[in-house]
């Protein structure tokens, strides 16, 4: 019975943390209205890797992407 209680208390603590993240207010407000007047060129990501610090040997994302912009954005 003690193990069940311990597991339950750990679950309660974890769920509190989840609700803290859900309820938080962003410190940086982004309205999405800014746009460049013109844009030429390309955007390129090479060998981008993400992982958690405690699990650096377990990659979350590996990305290589190229996006050539052929038209100007107006």
N, C-alpha and C. Protein backbone atom coordinates (compact mmCIF):
# COMPACT_ATOMS: atom_id res chain seq x y z
N UNK A 1 0.83 -1.19 0.00
CA UNK A 1 0.00 0.00 0.00
C UNK A 1 0.87 1.25 0.00
N UNK A 2 2.01 1.16 0.66
CA UNK A 2 2.92 2.30 0.71
C UNK A 2 3.44 2.70 -0.67
N UNK A 3 3.70 1.72 -1.51
CA UNK A 3 4.19 2.00 -2.87
C UNK A 3 3.12 2.71 -3.69
N UNK A 4 1.88 2.31 -3.50
CA UNK A 4 0.77 2.95 -4.22
C UNK A 4 0.66 4.41 -3.81
N UNK A 5 0.75 4.67 -2.50
CA UNK A 5 0.67 6.03 -1.99
C UNK A 5 1.82 6.88 -2.53
N UNK A 6 3.01 6.33 -2.53
CA UNK A 6 4.18 7.05 -3.05
C UNK A 6 3.99 7.39 -4.53
N UNK A 7 3.53 6.44 -5.30
CA UNK A 7 3.28 6.68 -6.72
C UNK A 7 2.21 7.74 -6.94
N UNK A 8 1.18 7.70 -6.12
CA UNK A 8 0.11 8.69 -6.22
C UNK A 8 0.63 10.09 -5.92
N UNK A 9 1.43 10.23 -4.89
CA UNK A 9 1.98 11.53 -4.53
C UNK A 9 2.94 12.05 -5.61
N UNK A 10 3.69 11.17 -6.22
CA UNK A 10 4.56 11.59 -7.33
C UNK A 10 3.72 12.08 -8.51
N UNK A 11 2.62 11.41 -8.77
CA UNK A 11 1.73 11.81 -9.86
C UNK A 11 1.09 13.17 -9.58
N UNK A 12 0.71 13.40 -8.35
CA UNK A 12 0.13 14.70 -7.98
C UNK A 12 1.16 15.81 -8.19
N UNK A 13 2.39 15.57 -7.77
CA UNK A 13 3.45 16.57 -7.95
C UNK A 13 3.72 16.84 -9.42
N UNK A 14 3.73 15.80 -10.22
CA UNK A 14 3.98 15.97 -11.66
C UNK A 14 2.82 16.72 -12.32
N UNK A 15 1.60 16.41 -11.93
CA UNK A 15 0.45 17.10 -12.53
C UNK A 15 0.43 18.57 -12.15
N UNK A 16 0.87 18.91 -10.96
CA UNK A 16 0.98 20.33 -10.57
C UNK A 16 1.93 21.07 -11.49
N UNK A 17 3.04 20.44 -11.79
CA UNK A 17 4.02 21.05 -12.69
C UNK A 17 3.43 21.25 -14.09
N UNK A 18 2.69 20.28 -14.57
CA UNK A 18 2.05 20.41 -15.89
C UNK A 18 1.09 21.60 -15.89
N UNK A 19 0.28 21.74 -14.85
CA UNK A 19 -0.67 22.85 -14.80
C UNK A 19 0.04 24.19 -14.64
N UNK A 20 1.20 24.23 -13.99
CA UNK A 20 1.99 25.47 -13.93
C UNK A 20 2.39 25.90 -15.33
N UNK A 21 2.83 24.97 -16.15
CA UNK A 21 3.21 25.31 -17.53
C UNK A 21 2.00 25.74 -18.36
N UNK A 22 0.89 25.07 -18.18
CA UNK A 22 -0.31 25.41 -18.94
C UNK A 22 -0.81 26.81 -18.57
N UNK A 23 -0.75 27.15 -17.31
CA UNK A 23 -1.32 28.41 -16.82
C UNK A 23 -0.38 29.60 -16.92
N UNK A 24 0.87 29.40 -17.26
CA UNK A 24 1.81 30.52 -17.27
C UNK A 24 1.50 31.50 -18.39
N UNK A 25 1.87 32.75 -18.15
CA UNK A 25 1.68 33.83 -19.12
C UNK A 25 3.02 34.09 -19.79
N UNK A 26 3.09 34.12 -21.12
CA UNK A 26 4.37 34.35 -21.80
C UNK A 26 4.94 35.72 -21.43
N UNK A 27 6.25 35.79 -21.27
CA UNK A 27 6.90 37.07 -20.97
C UNK A 27 7.18 37.87 -22.23
N UNK A 28 7.19 37.22 -23.38
CA UNK A 28 7.39 37.90 -24.66
C UNK A 28 6.08 37.80 -25.44
N UNK A 29 5.51 38.95 -25.72
CA UNK A 29 4.26 38.97 -26.47
C UNK A 29 4.57 39.04 -27.95
N UNK A 30 3.91 38.21 -28.72
CA UNK A 30 4.13 38.17 -30.16
C UNK A 30 2.77 38.30 -30.85
N UNK A 31 2.63 39.37 -31.61
CA UNK A 31 1.35 39.60 -32.28
C UNK A 31 1.37 39.15 -33.74
N UNK A 32 2.55 38.89 -34.30
CA UNK A 32 2.64 38.36 -35.65
C UNK A 32 2.30 39.33 -36.76
N UNK A 33 2.47 40.64 -36.52
CA UNK A 33 2.12 41.61 -37.54
C UNK A 33 3.34 42.16 -38.28
N UNK A 34 4.53 41.92 -37.82
CA UNK A 34 5.73 42.45 -38.46
C UNK A 34 6.10 41.60 -39.67
N UNK A 35 6.39 42.28 -40.78
CA UNK A 35 6.83 41.59 -41.99
C UNK A 35 7.89 42.45 -42.67
N UNK A 36 8.90 41.83 -43.25
CA UNK A 36 9.89 42.61 -43.99
C UNK A 36 9.27 43.16 -45.27
N UNK A 37 9.76 44.33 -45.71
CA UNK A 37 9.21 44.91 -46.93
C UNK A 37 9.61 44.07 -48.15
N UNK A 38 10.83 43.58 -48.17
CA UNK A 38 11.27 42.66 -49.23
C UNK A 38 12.16 41.60 -48.62
N UNK A 39 12.23 40.48 -49.29
CA UNK A 39 13.09 39.40 -48.81
C UNK A 39 13.62 38.64 -50.01
N UNK A 40 14.93 38.50 -50.07
CA UNK A 40 15.57 37.70 -51.12
C UNK A 40 16.57 36.76 -50.45
N UNK A 41 16.81 35.66 -51.10
CA UNK A 41 17.83 34.76 -50.58
C UNK A 41 17.29 33.40 -50.25
N UNK A 42 17.89 32.79 -49.25
CA UNK A 42 17.46 31.45 -48.87
C UNK A 42 17.68 31.26 -47.38
N UNK A 43 17.01 30.30 -46.88
CA UNK A 43 17.16 29.90 -45.48
C UNK A 43 17.65 28.47 -45.48
N UNK A 44 18.67 28.20 -44.69
CA UNK A 44 19.26 26.87 -44.71
C UNK A 44 19.63 26.44 -43.29
N UNK A 45 19.21 25.26 -42.92
CA UNK A 45 19.60 24.63 -41.65
C UNK A 45 20.39 23.39 -42.00
N UNK A 46 21.56 23.25 -41.42
CA UNK A 46 22.38 22.06 -41.67
C UNK A 46 22.76 21.42 -40.34
N UNK A 47 22.57 20.14 -40.26
CA UNK A 47 22.99 19.36 -39.09
C UNK A 47 22.53 19.97 -37.78
N UNK A 48 21.25 20.29 -37.70
CA UNK A 48 20.67 20.83 -36.47
C UNK A 48 20.19 19.64 -35.63
N UNK A 49 20.60 19.60 -34.38
CA UNK A 49 20.25 18.49 -33.48
C UNK A 49 19.70 19.05 -32.18
N UNK A 50 18.71 18.40 -31.64
CA UNK A 50 18.16 18.76 -30.34
C UNK A 50 18.13 17.52 -29.46
N UNK A 51 18.43 17.73 -28.18
CA UNK A 51 18.32 16.66 -27.20
C UNK A 51 18.20 17.29 -25.83
N UNK A 52 17.73 16.53 -24.87
CA UNK A 52 17.66 17.01 -23.50
C UNK A 52 19.04 16.88 -22.85
N UNK A 53 19.42 17.84 -21.99
CA UNK A 53 20.74 17.79 -21.36
C UNK A 53 20.99 16.49 -20.58
N UNK A 54 19.96 15.96 -19.96
CA UNK A 54 20.14 14.74 -19.17
C UNK A 54 20.16 13.48 -20.02
N UNK A 55 19.80 13.61 -21.31
CA UNK A 55 19.80 12.46 -22.23
C UNK A 55 20.43 12.87 -23.55
N UNK A 56 21.65 13.33 -23.49
CA UNK A 56 22.32 13.85 -24.69
C UNK A 56 22.55 12.78 -25.75
N UNK A 57 22.53 11.52 -25.36
CA UNK A 57 22.73 10.44 -26.34
C UNK A 57 21.43 10.04 -27.06
N UNK A 58 20.30 10.65 -26.67
CA UNK A 58 19.01 10.34 -27.27
C UNK A 58 18.50 11.57 -28.03
N UNK A 59 18.73 11.62 -29.35
CA UNK A 59 18.30 12.80 -30.11
C UNK A 59 16.78 12.90 -30.20
N UNK A 60 16.28 14.12 -30.12
CA UNK A 60 14.86 14.37 -30.27
C UNK A 60 14.55 14.72 -31.71
N UNK A 61 15.44 15.48 -32.32
CA UNK A 61 15.21 15.94 -33.68
C UNK A 61 16.54 16.06 -34.40
N UNK A 62 16.59 15.59 -35.61
CA UNK A 62 17.73 15.81 -36.51
C UNK A 62 17.16 16.44 -37.76
N UNK A 63 17.77 17.54 -38.20
CA UNK A 63 17.17 18.31 -39.28
C UNK A 63 18.22 18.84 -40.23
N UNK A 64 18.01 18.64 -41.50
CA UNK A 64 18.76 19.30 -42.57
C UNK A 64 17.71 19.77 -43.57
N UNK A 65 17.67 21.07 -43.79
CA UNK A 65 16.61 21.62 -44.62
C UNK A 65 17.14 22.81 -45.41
N UNK A 66 16.74 22.91 -46.64
CA UNK A 66 17.06 24.06 -47.48
C UNK A 66 15.77 24.62 -48.04
N UNK A 67 15.68 25.92 -48.06
CA UNK A 67 14.51 26.58 -48.62
C UNK A 67 14.98 27.75 -49.45
N UNK A 68 14.97 27.60 -50.75
CA UNK A 68 15.40 28.67 -51.64
C UNK A 68 14.19 29.53 -51.98
N UNK A 69 14.30 30.80 -51.71
CA UNK A 69 13.23 31.75 -51.99
C UNK A 69 13.46 32.31 -53.38
N UNK A 70 12.53 32.05 -54.30
CA UNK A 70 12.71 32.51 -55.67
C UNK A 70 12.04 33.85 -55.93
N UNK A 71 11.00 34.17 -55.20
CA UNK A 71 10.28 35.44 -55.38
C UNK A 71 10.50 36.34 -54.18
N UNK A 72 10.37 37.63 -54.41
CA UNK A 72 10.46 38.57 -53.30
C UNK A 72 9.14 38.57 -52.55
N UNK A 73 9.25 38.73 -51.26
CA UNK A 73 8.06 38.84 -50.42
C UNK A 73 7.68 40.32 -50.38
N UNK A 74 6.46 40.65 -50.72
CA UNK A 74 6.00 42.05 -50.69
C UNK A 74 4.76 42.18 -49.87
